[in-house]
N, C-alpha and C. Protein backbone atom coordinates (compact mmCIF):
# COMPACT_ATOMS: atom_id res chain seq x y z
N UNK A 1 30.85 7.34 0.72
CA UNK A 1 29.92 6.31 1.58
C UNK A 1 29.03 5.56 0.97
N UNK A 2 27.96 6.04 1.49
CA UNK A 2 26.47 5.53 0.07
C UNK A 2 26.40 5.77 -1.24
N UNK A 3 26.32 4.93 -2.26
CA UNK A 3 26.36 5.38 -3.37
C UNK A 3 24.94 5.85 -3.64
N UNK A 4 24.69 6.40 -5.02
CA UNK A 4 23.23 7.05 -5.25
C UNK A 4 21.79 6.22 -4.87
N UNK A 5 21.94 4.90 -5.41
CA UNK A 5 20.57 4.14 -5.25
C UNK A 5 20.44 3.45 -3.91
N UNK A 6 21.30 3.35 -3.23
CA UNK A 6 21.52 3.03 -1.73
C UNK A 6 20.59 4.48 -0.63
N UNK A 7 21.36 5.23 -1.65
CA UNK A 7 20.64 6.92 -0.85
C UNK A 7 19.28 7.07 -1.36
N UNK A 8 18.76 6.70 -2.62
CA UNK A 8 17.68 6.59 -2.65
C UNK A 8 16.63 5.84 -2.08
N UNK A 9 17.53 4.75 -2.02
CA UNK A 9 16.15 3.73 -1.31
C UNK A 9 15.60 3.53 0.01
N UNK A 10 17.09 4.72 0.84
CA UNK A 10 16.71 4.56 1.93
C UNK A 10 15.83 6.10 2.02
N UNK A 11 15.59 6.91 1.41
CA UNK A 11 14.32 8.39 0.84
C UNK A 11 13.46 7.53 0.42
N UNK A 12 13.19 6.15 -0.07
CA UNK A 12 11.82 5.97 -0.62
C UNK A 12 11.32 5.21 1.13
N UNK A 13 12.19 4.30 1.59
CA UNK A 13 11.96 3.68 2.45
C UNK A 13 10.96 4.60 4.28
N UNK A 14 11.64 5.75 3.87
CA UNK A 14 11.41 6.89 4.94
C UNK A 14 10.13 7.36 4.44
N UNK A 15 10.18 7.71 3.42
CA UNK A 15 9.01 8.10 2.72
C UNK A 15 7.74 7.10 2.87
N UNK A 16 7.49 6.05 2.88
CA UNK A 16 6.71 4.86 2.78
C UNK A 16 6.54 4.97 4.42
N UNK A 17 7.44 5.16 5.48
CA UNK A 17 7.04 4.73 6.53
C UNK A 17 6.28 6.18 7.23
N UNK A 18 6.95 7.55 6.75
CA UNK A 18 6.00 8.62 6.92
C UNK A 18 5.15 9.28 6.03
N UNK A 19 5.16 8.99 4.84
CA UNK A 19 4.52 10.09 3.72
C UNK A 19 4.97 11.43 4.37
N UNK A 20 5.75 11.72 4.22
CA UNK A 20 6.21 13.01 4.81
C UNK A 20 6.44 13.55 3.37
N UNK A 21 6.57 13.36 1.75
CA UNK A 21 7.08 13.96 0.72
C UNK A 21 5.64 14.14 0.07
N UNK A 22 5.45 15.71 -0.36
CA UNK A 22 4.58 16.51 -1.13
C UNK A 22 5.43 15.91 -2.79
N UNK A 23 5.96 17.31 -2.97
CA UNK A 23 7.19 17.25 -4.55
C UNK A 23 7.71 16.05 -4.50
N UNK A 24 7.62 14.93 -4.97
CA UNK A 24 8.67 13.65 -4.84
C UNK A 24 9.55 13.85 -5.60
N UNK A 25 10.17 14.61 -7.22
CA UNK A 25 10.74 15.02 -7.64
C UNK A 25 11.62 15.59 -6.81
N UNK A 26 11.56 16.35 -5.97
CA UNK A 26 12.33 17.48 -5.44
C UNK A 26 13.19 16.44 -4.04
N UNK A 27 12.17 15.80 -3.57
CA UNK A 27 12.32 15.15 -2.25
C UNK A 27 13.72 14.31 -2.91
N UNK A 28 13.57 13.50 -4.26
CA UNK A 28 14.80 12.46 -4.10
C UNK A 28 15.70 12.87 -4.91
N UNK A 29 15.57 14.39 -5.07
CA UNK A 29 17.08 14.91 -6.18
C UNK A 29 17.22 15.18 -4.79
N UNK A 30 16.69 15.79 -4.30
CA UNK A 30 17.70 16.29 -2.13
C UNK A 30 18.12 14.91 -2.03
N UNK A 31 17.68 13.73 -1.96
CA UNK A 31 18.51 12.52 -1.33
C UNK A 31 19.48 12.32 -1.53
N UNK A 32 20.02 13.32 -2.97
CA UNK A 32 21.46 12.46 -3.42
C UNK A 32 22.04 13.90 -3.83
N UNK A 33 21.63 15.02 -3.55
CA UNK A 33 22.39 16.47 -3.60
C UNK A 33 23.80 16.94 -2.77
N UNK A 34 23.64 16.37 -1.58
CA UNK A 34 25.09 16.44 -1.03
C UNK A 34 26.18 16.06 -1.72
N UNK A 35 26.03 15.00 -2.37
CA UNK A 35 27.33 14.68 -3.03
C UNK A 35 27.77 15.10 -4.90
N UNK A 36 26.80 15.74 -4.82
CA UNK A 36 26.90 16.90 -5.60
C UNK A 36 28.42 18.03 -5.69
N UNK A 37 28.94 18.15 -4.94
CA UNK A 37 30.05 18.54 -4.45
C UNK A 37 30.96 18.39 -5.82
N UNK A 38 31.00 16.94 -5.59
CA UNK A 38 32.07 16.50 -6.66
C UNK A 38 32.46 16.94 -8.07
N UNK A 39 31.36 17.97 -8.34
CA UNK A 39 31.44 18.73 -9.60
C UNK A 39 31.83 19.91 -9.70
N UNK A 40 32.75 20.38 -8.55
CA UNK A 40 33.58 21.76 -8.59
C UNK A 40 34.87 21.50 -9.42
N UNK A 41 34.95 22.38 -9.75
CA UNK A 41 36.56 21.99 -10.61
C UNK A 41 37.36 22.23 -9.37
N UNK A 42 37.19 22.89 -8.24
CA UNK A 42 38.47 22.91 -7.53
C UNK A 42 38.23 21.85 -6.25
N UNK A 43 37.38 20.85 -6.65
CA UNK A 43 36.76 19.71 -5.09
C UNK A 43 37.41 19.48 -4.30
N UNK A 44 37.83 19.85 -3.76
CA UNK A 44 38.25 18.48 -1.87
C UNK A 44 37.50 18.53 -0.90
N UNK A 45 38.13 17.47 -0.39
CA UNK A 45 37.54 16.81 0.82
C UNK A 45 37.19 17.69 1.53
N UNK A 46 37.61 18.85 2.03
CA UNK A 46 36.67 19.56 2.75
C UNK A 46 34.94 20.31 2.27
N UNK A 47 35.13 20.35 1.07
CA UNK A 47 33.95 20.36 0.50
C UNK A 47 32.51 19.94 1.11
N UNK A 48 33.01 18.03 0.67
CA UNK A 48 32.66 17.02 1.25
C UNK A 48 31.67 17.24 2.54
N UNK A 49 32.87 17.63 3.77
CA UNK A 49 32.45 17.89 4.93
C UNK A 49 31.72 18.54 4.95
N UNK A 50 31.72 19.84 4.23
CA UNK A 50 30.82 21.23 4.91
C UNK A 50 29.23 20.39 3.77
N UNK A 51 28.97 20.07 2.88
CA UNK A 51 28.09 19.76 2.40
C UNK A 51 26.96 17.97 3.33
N UNK A 52 28.41 17.40 4.04
CA UNK A 52 27.57 16.89 4.67
C UNK A 52 27.37 16.92 5.93
N UNK A 53 28.01 18.34 6.50
CA UNK A 53 27.96 18.81 7.91
C UNK A 53 28.61 17.97 8.83
N UNK A 54 29.88 17.65 8.15
CA UNK A 54 31.31 16.93 9.74
C UNK A 54 31.52 17.63 9.98
N UNK A 55 31.57 17.47 11.05
CA UNK A 55 32.69 18.49 11.64
C UNK A 55 34.35 18.57 11.91
N UNK A 56 34.81 19.00 12.29
CA UNK A 56 36.20 19.50 11.77
C UNK A 56 37.11 18.55 12.56
N UNK A 57 37.07 17.34 12.84
CA UNK A 57 37.57 16.11 13.36
C UNK A 57 38.63 15.86 12.67
N UNK A 58 38.44 15.15 11.77
CA UNK A 58 39.29 14.34 10.59
C UNK A 58 39.14 14.65 9.66
N UNK A 59 40.12 14.73 8.67
CA UNK A 59 39.76 14.76 6.85
C UNK A 59 38.47 13.42 6.73
N UNK A 60 37.78 14.12 5.46
CA UNK A 60 36.69 13.08 4.73
C UNK A 60 37.57 11.73 4.67
N UNK A 61 36.45 10.86 5.58
CA UNK A 61 36.60 9.54 5.34
C UNK A 61 37.59 9.39 6.09
N UNK A 62 38.00 9.54 7.01
CA UNK A 62 38.92 9.02 8.35
C UNK A 62 38.50 9.02 9.82
N UNK A 63 36.68 9.21 9.40
CA UNK A 63 36.28 8.99 11.07
C UNK A 63 36.74 7.40 11.46
N UNK A 64 36.59 7.31 12.55
CA UNK A 64 37.09 5.44 12.34
C UNK A 64 36.65 5.17 13.89
N UNK A 65 36.31 5.97 14.83
CA UNK A 65 35.06 5.52 15.87
C UNK A 65 33.69 5.69 15.63
N UNK A 66 32.65 4.71 16.65
CA UNK A 66 31.32 4.93 17.04
C UNK A 66 31.72 6.26 17.56
N UNK A 67 32.71 6.99 18.60
CA UNK A 67 32.40 8.06 19.07
C UNK A 67 32.82 8.76 18.25
N UNK A 68 33.28 9.12 17.50
CA UNK A 68 33.03 10.39 16.13
C UNK A 68 32.07 10.82 15.47
N UNK A 69 31.18 9.03 14.88
CA UNK A 69 30.27 9.26 14.55
C UNK A 69 29.43 9.71 15.05
N UNK A 70 29.21 9.34 16.79
CA UNK A 70 28.19 10.57 16.83
C UNK A 70 28.33 11.45 17.26
N UNK A 71 29.71 12.29 17.23
CA UNK A 71 30.17 13.48 17.49
C UNK A 71 29.29 14.29 16.05
N UNK A 72 29.59 13.63 14.64
CA UNK A 72 29.23 14.13 13.22
C UNK A 72 28.00 13.97 13.98
N UNK A 73 26.98 12.86 13.74
CA UNK A 73 25.30 13.15 13.95
C UNK A 73 24.78 14.23 14.70
N UNK A 74 25.11 14.35 16.26
CA UNK A 74 25.41 15.68 16.85
C UNK A 74 25.16 17.07 16.15
N UNK A 75 26.42 16.97 15.54
CA UNK A 75 27.00 18.34 14.82
C UNK A 75 25.97 18.48 14.01
N UNK A 76 25.79 17.59 12.82
CA UNK A 76 24.77 17.23 11.65
C UNK A 76 23.34 17.54 11.67
N UNK A 77 22.41 17.25 13.41
CA UNK A 77 21.42 17.49 13.40
C UNK A 77 21.43 18.96 13.74
N UNK A 78 22.22 19.50 14.76
CA UNK A 78 22.20 20.69 15.03
C UNK A 78 21.88 21.64 13.87
N UNK A 79 22.92 21.69 12.78
CA UNK A 79 23.29 22.50 11.31
C UNK A 79 21.87 22.12 10.62
N UNK A 80 21.46 20.69 10.83
CA UNK A 80 19.94 20.67 10.29
C UNK A 80 18.88 21.47 11.00
N UNK A 81 18.79 21.64 11.71
CA UNK A 81 17.76 22.06 13.03
C UNK A 81 17.75 23.58 12.63
N UNK A 82 19.10 24.35 12.30
CA UNK A 82 18.87 25.42 12.58
C UNK A 82 19.00 25.83 11.27
N UNK A 83 18.23 25.12 10.10
CA UNK A 83 17.93 26.00 8.70
C UNK A 83 16.50 26.92 9.15
N UNK A 84 17.15 28.19 8.82
CA UNK A 84 15.97 29.51 8.72
C UNK A 84 14.59 29.15 7.80
N UNK A 85 14.85 28.43 6.50
CA UNK A 85 14.09 28.70 5.23
C UNK A 85 13.14 27.57 5.85
N UNK A 86 12.20 27.58 5.27
CA UNK A 86 10.60 26.05 5.50
C UNK A 86 11.68 24.40 5.39
N UNK A 87 11.14 24.06 5.88
CA UNK A 87 11.52 22.23 5.55
C UNK A 87 10.83 22.02 3.95
N UNK A 88 11.80 21.79 3.49
CA UNK A 88 10.94 21.50 2.07
C UNK A 88 11.00 20.43 1.61
N UNK A 89 10.24 19.85 1.20
CA UNK A 89 11.05 18.05 0.51
C UNK A 89 12.30 18.20 -0.09
N UNK A 90 12.69 18.91 -1.00
CA UNK A 90 14.36 19.01 -1.15
C UNK A 90 14.59 18.82 0.30
N UNK A 91 14.61 19.87 1.43
CA UNK A 91 15.65 19.69 3.25
C UNK A 91 15.22 18.51 3.40
N UNK A 92 14.07 17.78 2.98
CA UNK A 92 14.34 16.21 3.81
C UNK A 92 14.99 15.60 2.98
N UNK A 93 14.73 15.60 1.80
CA UNK A 93 16.00 14.57 1.24
C UNK A 93 17.27 14.83 1.32
N UNK A 94 17.88 15.90 1.88
CA UNK A 94 19.39 16.07 1.50
C UNK A 94 19.53 16.07 3.59
N UNK A 95 18.54 16.23 3.98
CA UNK A 95 18.45 15.55 6.16
C UNK A 95 18.94 13.90 5.55
N UNK A 96 18.38 13.07 5.03
CA UNK A 96 18.27 11.88 4.66
C UNK A 96 19.32 11.10 4.21
N UNK A 97 20.07 11.55 3.38
CA UNK A 97 20.94 11.34 2.90
C UNK A 97 22.43 11.83 3.55
N UNK A 98 22.45 12.98 4.55
CA UNK A 98 23.45 13.28 5.48
C UNK A 98 23.52 12.48 6.10
N UNK A 99 22.22 11.97 7.52
CA UNK A 99 22.60 11.12 8.14
C UNK A 99 22.58 10.26 7.48
N UNK A 100 22.00 9.58 6.52
CA UNK A 100 22.61 8.27 6.21
C UNK A 100 23.97 8.01 6.10
N UNK A 101 24.67 8.92 5.80
CA UNK A 101 26.25 9.15 5.23
C UNK A 101 26.48 8.66 6.75
N UNK A 102 26.35 9.23 8.07
CA UNK A 102 26.83 9.54 9.47
C UNK A 102 26.20 7.37 9.58
N UNK A 103 25.00 6.77 9.58
CA UNK A 103 25.03 5.95 10.03
C UNK A 103 26.00 5.04 8.87
N UNK A 104 25.82 4.87 7.58
CA UNK A 104 26.87 4.35 6.81
C UNK A 104 28.33 3.66 7.54
N UNK A 105 28.94 5.10 7.88
CA UNK A 105 30.13 5.10 8.36
C UNK A 105 30.47 4.21 9.82
N UNK A 106 29.22 4.92 10.44
CA UNK A 106 29.21 3.62 11.76
C UNK A 106 29.15 2.27 11.64
N UNK A 107 27.87 2.03 10.59
CA UNK A 107 27.59 0.54 10.30
C UNK A 107 28.21 -0.22 9.49
N UNK A 108 29.42 0.56 8.47
CA UNK A 108 29.69 -0.51 7.38
C UNK A 108 31.31 0.21 7.17
N UNK A 109 31.87 1.62 6.62
CA UNK A 109 32.51 1.45 6.34
C UNK A 109 33.81 1.95 7.67
N UNK A 110 33.67 1.95 8.72
CA UNK A 110 34.37 1.64 9.68
C UNK A 110 35.26 0.49 10.09
N UNK A 111 34.00 -1.04 10.03
CA UNK A 111 33.87 -2.12 10.03
C UNK A 111 34.50 -2.39 8.98
N UNK A 112 34.50 -2.22 7.54
CA UNK A 112 34.96 -2.46 6.16
C UNK A 112 36.38 -2.23 6.58
N UNK A 113 36.90 -1.02 6.56
CA UNK A 113 38.36 -0.46 7.17
C UNK A 113 39.16 -1.41 7.66
N UNK A 114 38.82 -1.89 8.72
CA UNK A 114 39.32 -2.53 9.53
C UNK A 114 39.33 -4.29 9.31
N UNK A 115 38.19 -4.51 8.21
CA UNK A 115 38.75 -5.60 7.77
C UNK A 115 39.50 -5.99 6.54
N UNK A 116 39.57 -5.12 6.13
CA UNK A 116 40.76 -5.03 4.67
C UNK A 116 42.24 -5.10 5.94
N UNK A 117 42.40 -4.36 6.66
CA UNK A 117 43.30 -4.40 7.08
C UNK A 117 43.98 -6.24 7.57
N UNK A 118 42.88 -6.52 8.30
CA UNK A 118 42.95 -7.85 8.97
C UNK A 118 43.50 -8.69 7.81
N UNK A 119 42.10 -8.56 6.62
CA UNK A 119 42.35 -9.49 5.42
C UNK A 119 43.50 -9.06 3.90
N UNK A 120 44.16 -8.07 4.84
CA UNK A 120 45.03 -7.52 3.80
C UNK A 120 45.04 -7.47 2.28
N UNK A 121 43.73 -6.51 2.30
CA UNK A 121 42.82 -5.84 1.32
C UNK A 121 42.66 -4.77 0.83
N UNK A 122 43.64 -3.78 0.35
CA UNK A 122 43.42 -2.23 -0.22
C UNK A 122 42.12 -2.02 0.11
N UNK A 123 42.21 -0.99 0.99
CA UNK A 123 40.92 -0.12 1.26
C UNK A 123 40.13 0.20 0.29
N UNK A 124 40.08 0.69 -1.16
CA UNK A 124 39.68 1.02 -2.02
C UNK A 124 38.65 -0.03 -2.49
N UNK A 125 38.51 -1.28 -2.09
CA UNK A 125 37.74 -2.17 -2.15
C UNK A 125 36.40 -1.87 -1.76
N UNK A 126 36.35 -0.96 -0.90
CA UNK A 126 34.85 -0.53 -0.36
C UNK A 126 34.13 0.15 -1.98
N UNK A 127 34.89 0.71 -2.34
CA UNK A 127 34.34 1.74 -2.87
C UNK A 127 33.95 0.66 -3.90
N UNK A 128 35.08 -0.19 -4.84
CA UNK A 128 34.10 -0.80 -5.57
C UNK A 128 33.25 -1.77 -5.25
N UNK A 129 33.04 -2.18 -4.15
CA UNK A 129 31.74 -3.00 -3.52
C UNK A 129 30.56 -2.15 -3.67
N UNK A 130 30.82 -1.18 -3.74
CA UNK A 130 29.61 0.01 -2.86
C UNK A 130 29.15 0.14 -4.74
N UNK A 131 30.18 0.61 -5.92
CA UNK A 131 29.46 0.54 -7.25
C UNK A 131 28.72 -0.71 -7.58
N UNK A 132 29.38 -2.19 -7.52
CA UNK A 132 28.93 -3.34 -7.44
C UNK A 132 27.45 -3.12 -7.02
N UNK A 133 27.34 -2.72 -6.01
CA UNK A 133 25.96 -3.22 -5.06
C UNK A 133 25.38 -1.98 -5.91
N UNK A 134 25.61 -0.68 -6.15
CA UNK A 134 24.65 0.68 -6.71
C UNK A 134 23.89 -0.21 -7.58
N UNK A 135 24.86 -0.64 -8.66
CA UNK A 135 24.23 -0.98 -10.13
C UNK A 135 23.63 -2.44 -10.03
N UNK A 136 23.70 -2.79 -9.45
CA UNK A 136 22.81 -4.34 -9.36
C UNK A 136 21.42 -3.63 -8.66
N UNK A 137 21.63 -2.90 -7.53
CA UNK A 137 20.47 -2.60 -7.36
C UNK A 137 19.87 -1.63 -8.89
N UNK A 138 20.41 -1.37 -9.35
CA UNK A 138 19.74 -0.20 -10.54
C UNK A 138 19.23 -1.39 -11.58
N UNK A 139 19.56 -2.34 -11.82
CA UNK A 139 19.20 -3.22 -12.11
C UNK A 139 17.93 -4.61 -12.18
N UNK A 140 17.53 -4.54 -10.60
CA UNK A 140 17.17 -5.48 -9.49
C UNK A 140 15.77 -4.53 -9.16
N UNK A 141 15.62 -3.38 -8.41
CA UNK A 141 14.95 -3.13 -7.40
C UNK A 141 13.65 -2.82 -8.21
N UNK A 142 12.51 -3.09 -7.48
CA UNK A 142 11.21 -2.85 -8.79
C UNK A 142 10.87 -1.22 -8.60
N UNK A 143 11.30 -0.47 -8.17
CA UNK A 143 10.80 0.61 -7.72
C UNK A 143 11.65 2.04 -8.51
N UNK A 144 12.39 1.16 -9.32
CA UNK A 144 13.30 2.01 -10.26
C UNK A 144 12.74 2.75 -11.18
N UNK A 145 11.60 2.35 -11.78
CA UNK A 145 11.43 3.24 -13.13
C UNK A 145 10.81 4.27 -12.11
N UNK A 146 9.88 4.04 -11.32
CA UNK A 146 9.38 5.42 -10.78
C UNK A 146 10.19 6.24 -10.28
N UNK A 147 11.16 6.02 -9.52
CA UNK A 147 11.57 6.66 -8.83
C UNK A 147 12.48 7.59 -10.23
N UNK A 148 13.12 6.67 -11.01
CA UNK A 148 13.94 7.39 -11.84
C UNK A 148 12.75 8.81 -12.86
N UNK A 149 11.46 8.03 -12.90
CA UNK A 149 10.90 9.18 -13.48
C UNK A 149 10.65 10.77 -12.48
N UNK A 150 10.58 10.72 -11.14
CA UNK A 150 10.57 11.85 -10.44
C UNK A 150 11.79 12.77 -10.60
N UNK A 151 13.08 11.41 -10.77
CA UNK A 151 14.41 12.26 -10.81
C UNK A 151 14.44 13.14 -12.11
N UNK A 152 13.99 12.54 -13.26
CA UNK A 152 13.77 12.79 -14.45
C UNK A 152 13.01 14.26 -14.46
N UNK A 153 12.34 14.94 -13.81
CA UNK A 153 11.40 15.70 -13.34
C UNK A 153 11.87 16.89 -12.84
N UNK A 154 13.05 16.29 -11.87
CA UNK A 154 13.47 17.25 -10.44
C UNK A 154 14.63 18.17 -11.06
N UNK A 155 14.19 19.13 -10.30
CA UNK A 155 15.48 20.36 -10.64
C UNK A 155 16.48 20.51 -9.62
N UNK A 156 17.40 21.06 -10.35
CA UNK A 156 18.87 21.16 -9.02
C UNK A 156 17.52 22.67 -7.80
N UNK A 157 19.05 22.21 -6.55
CA UNK A 157 18.69 23.48 -5.43
C UNK A 157 19.30 23.96 -5.26
N UNK A 158 19.61 24.89 -4.82
CA UNK A 158 20.81 25.07 -3.64
C UNK A 158 20.14 24.91 -2.43
N UNK A 159 21.12 24.35 -1.19
CA UNK A 159 21.10 24.39 -0.07
C UNK A 159 21.76 25.22 0.83
N UNK A 160 21.50 26.16 1.45
CA UNK A 160 22.12 27.07 2.28
C UNK A 160 23.29 27.54 1.07
N UNK A 161 24.39 27.22 2.02
CA UNK A 161 25.99 27.97 1.23
C UNK A 161 26.54 26.74 0.89
N UNK A 162 26.30 25.31 0.61
CA UNK A 162 26.91 24.33 1.13
C UNK A 162 26.27 23.07 -0.33
N UNK A 163 25.22 23.86 -1.48
CA UNK A 163 25.38 22.61 -2.11
C UNK A 163 24.76 23.42 -3.15
N UNK A 164 25.40 24.08 -4.45
CA UNK A 164 24.77 24.64 -5.60
C UNK A 164 23.65 24.33 -6.70
N UNK A 165 22.58 24.99 -6.99
CA UNK A 165 21.83 24.50 -8.26
C UNK A 165 22.48 23.87 -9.19
N UNK A 166 23.51 24.17 -9.76
CA UNK A 166 24.29 23.51 -10.99
C UNK A 166 24.86 22.18 -10.86
N UNK A 167 25.56 22.45 -9.80
CA UNK A 167 25.86 21.30 -8.99
C UNK A 167 25.07 19.64 -9.13
N UNK A 168 23.69 19.99 -9.02
CA UNK A 168 22.81 19.27 -7.97
C UNK A 168 22.32 18.89 -9.98
N UNK A 169 22.30 19.74 -10.73
CA UNK A 169 21.90 19.24 -12.08
C UNK A 169 23.21 18.26 -12.33
N UNK A 170 23.90 18.70 -12.58
CA UNK A 170 25.23 17.94 -13.55
C UNK A 170 24.90 16.33 -12.21
N UNK A 171 24.90 16.36 -10.91
CA UNK A 171 25.01 15.53 -10.33
C UNK A 171 24.14 14.22 -10.97
N UNK A 172 22.99 14.97 -11.32
CA UNK A 172 21.64 14.07 -11.61
C UNK A 172 21.59 13.09 -12.94
N UNK A 173 22.35 14.16 -13.81
CA UNK A 173 22.70 13.98 -15.43
C UNK A 173 23.79 12.69 -15.10
N UNK A 174 24.82 12.80 -14.16
CA UNK A 174 25.92 11.62 -14.17
C UNK A 174 25.36 10.49 -13.53
N UNK A 175 24.38 10.70 -12.79
CA UNK A 175 24.15 9.41 -12.22
C UNK A 175 22.70 8.79 -13.54
N UNK A 176 22.18 9.22 -14.06
CA UNK A 176 21.25 8.87 -15.09
C UNK A 176 22.62 7.81 -15.92
N UNK A 177 23.64 8.57 -16.74
CA UNK A 177 24.63 7.78 -17.28
C UNK A 177 24.95 6.87 -16.91
N UNK A 178 25.84 6.80 -15.22
CA UNK A 178 26.66 5.88 -14.95
C UNK A 178 26.06 5.22 -14.60
N UNK A 179 24.60 4.57 -13.72
CA UNK A 179 24.02 3.64 -13.50
C UNK A 179 23.92 2.80 -15.04
N UNK A 180 23.13 3.29 -15.86
CA UNK A 180 22.76 2.91 -16.87
C UNK A 180 24.50 1.82 -17.75
N UNK A 181 25.39 1.85 -17.45
CA UNK A 181 25.99 1.31 -17.80
C UNK A 181 26.72 -0.11 -17.83
N UNK A 182 25.96 -0.84 -16.89
CA UNK A 182 25.65 -1.84 -16.48
C UNK A 182 26.83 -2.78 -15.47
N UNK A 183 26.52 -3.60 -14.94
CA UNK A 183 26.84 -4.26 -13.34
C UNK A 183 28.45 -4.40 -13.56
N UNK A 184 29.22 -3.53 -12.53
CA UNK A 184 30.99 -3.93 -12.86
C UNK A 184 30.86 -4.76 -11.45
N UNK A 185 31.46 -5.69 -11.98
CA UNK A 185 32.49 -6.17 -11.04
C UNK A 185 33.29 -6.22 -10.19
N UNK A 186 33.34 -6.95 -8.75
CA UNK A 186 34.20 -6.44 -7.26
C UNK A 186 35.12 -6.28 -8.50
N UNK A 187 36.43 -5.04 -7.49
CA UNK A 187 37.92 -5.92 -8.17
C UNK A 187 38.70 -6.74 -7.39
N UNK A 188 38.44 -6.84 -6.01
CA UNK A 188 39.03 -7.98 -5.32
C UNK A 188 38.40 -9.11 -5.27
N UNK A 189 38.63 -10.52 -5.07
CA UNK A 189 38.31 -11.42 -5.38
C UNK A 189 37.59 -11.73 -3.63
N UNK A 190 37.84 -11.29 -2.76
CA UNK A 190 37.41 -11.23 -1.22
C UNK A 190 36.20 -10.21 -1.40
N UNK A 191 35.26 -10.18 -0.66
CA UNK A 191 33.99 -9.92 -0.38
C UNK A 191 33.34 -9.38 0.46
N UNK A 192 33.22 -8.18 1.01
CA UNK A 192 32.35 -8.06 2.14
C UNK A 192 31.20 -7.39 2.11
N UNK A 193 30.63 -6.55 1.94
CA UNK A 193 29.55 -5.54 1.41
C UNK A 193 28.57 -6.54 0.08
N UNK A 194 27.29 -7.16 0.76
CA UNK A 194 27.00 -7.63 -0.62
C UNK A 194 25.40 -6.89 -0.67
N UNK A 195 24.57 -7.82 -1.63
CA UNK A 195 23.24 -6.99 -1.93
C UNK A 195 22.50 -7.11 -0.41
N UNK A 196 22.65 -8.15 -0.08
CA UNK A 196 21.76 -8.80 1.18
C UNK A 196 21.87 -8.02 2.58
N UNK A 197 23.08 -7.51 3.07
CA UNK A 197 23.63 -6.99 4.03
C UNK A 197 23.40 -4.99 3.58
N UNK A 198 23.69 -5.13 2.48
CA UNK A 198 22.90 -3.28 2.04
C UNK A 198 21.61 -3.41 2.35
N UNK A 199 20.99 -4.32 2.23
CA UNK A 199 19.30 -4.35 2.10
C UNK A 199 19.06 -3.85 3.35
N UNK A 200 19.70 -4.99 4.29
CA UNK A 200 19.75 -4.79 5.60
C UNK A 200 20.14 -3.15 6.27
N UNK A 201 21.03 -2.89 5.83
CA UNK A 201 21.45 -1.25 6.31
C UNK A 201 20.24 -0.68 6.27
N UNK A 202 19.88 -0.68 4.54
CA UNK A 202 18.58 0.67 4.36
C UNK A 202 17.35 0.50 5.25
N UNK A 203 17.38 -1.03 5.46
CA UNK A 203 16.19 -1.17 6.34
C UNK A 203 15.86 -0.43 7.57
N UNK A 204 17.60 -0.97 8.49
CA UNK A 204 17.99 -0.32 9.79
C UNK A 204 17.79 1.43 9.67
N UNK A 205 18.34 1.78 8.43
CA UNK A 205 19.16 3.54 8.57
C UNK A 205 17.21 3.77 8.78
N UNK A 206 16.59 3.60 7.35
CA UNK A 206 15.43 4.42 7.39
C UNK A 206 14.61 4.33 8.67
N UNK A 207 14.38 3.37 9.70
CA UNK A 207 13.74 3.44 10.52
C UNK A 207 14.49 4.50 11.66
N UNK A 208 15.34 4.06 11.88
CA UNK A 208 15.92 4.95 12.35
C UNK A 208 16.38 6.82 12.05
N UNK A 209 16.51 6.84 10.72
CA UNK A 209 16.18 8.35 10.59
C UNK A 209 14.60 8.62 10.60
N UNK A 210 13.84 7.80 10.18
CA UNK A 210 12.15 8.25 10.33
C UNK A 210 12.23 8.98 11.63
N UNK A 211 12.86 7.74 12.52
CA UNK A 211 12.47 8.44 14.22
C UNK A 211 12.79 9.70 14.35
N UNK A 212 14.18 10.19 13.80
CA UNK A 212 14.64 11.68 13.73
C UNK A 212 13.90 12.52 13.09
N UNK A 213 13.51 12.37 12.02
CA UNK A 213 12.69 13.10 11.04
C UNK A 213 11.90 13.65 11.90
N UNK A 214 11.11 12.52 12.77
CA UNK A 214 9.77 12.83 13.50
C UNK A 214 9.90 14.05 14.95
N UNK A 215 11.55 13.36 15.27
CA UNK A 215 11.67 14.17 15.92
C UNK A 215 12.00 15.65 15.55
N UNK A 216 12.20 16.12 14.60
CA UNK A 216 12.77 17.30 14.14
C UNK A 216 11.29 17.76 14.14
N UNK A 217 10.75 17.33 13.42
CA UNK A 217 9.46 17.70 12.92
C UNK A 217 8.49 18.38 14.65
N UNK A 218 8.72 17.06 15.36
CA UNK A 218 7.99 18.22 16.26
C UNK A 218 8.36 19.35 17.45
């Protein structure tokens, strides 16, 4: 789904709209934390479904309709609203990440997979382009140094039973190393995802997620 810089950008945009975060280091690390399950030795797609509160409709990465995305959104909101612990800044970061991936699946991923079929482009082109956009954002966004400083001060937290604190720490270290490796050009000559389209997605998603956050707070 979305990569780290896009998740951080959406989190920043939501906080700019609502000013909900007090502990910004924990807010920002929360906004990338659900992907940290990749650092389990026995990782499989079911773990990603659990960390993203994705219902048992299809295997991870195979949701293919807007209706299925709506089921995911409803299920995720139900699970997130049922959290018994206080809604910390880390919680809101995780919340924004999970809903961002629902939005990204509906607005980008499904459309991209269909485009790949029509244009005879391998489906993994999507991940190549996401990586290109992510690392281009790392090099160009004006807020990177500020957010990177917050991330450097953050520590891993667990999130119910779906994310472990040590996994979040490992993922933070991974992002620090990989984003600084330089821009990686897309593997394929046909390109659908651009910085402009991704920035538009960030703006639309942040506003929609801000509305959901307000609903949950109310």
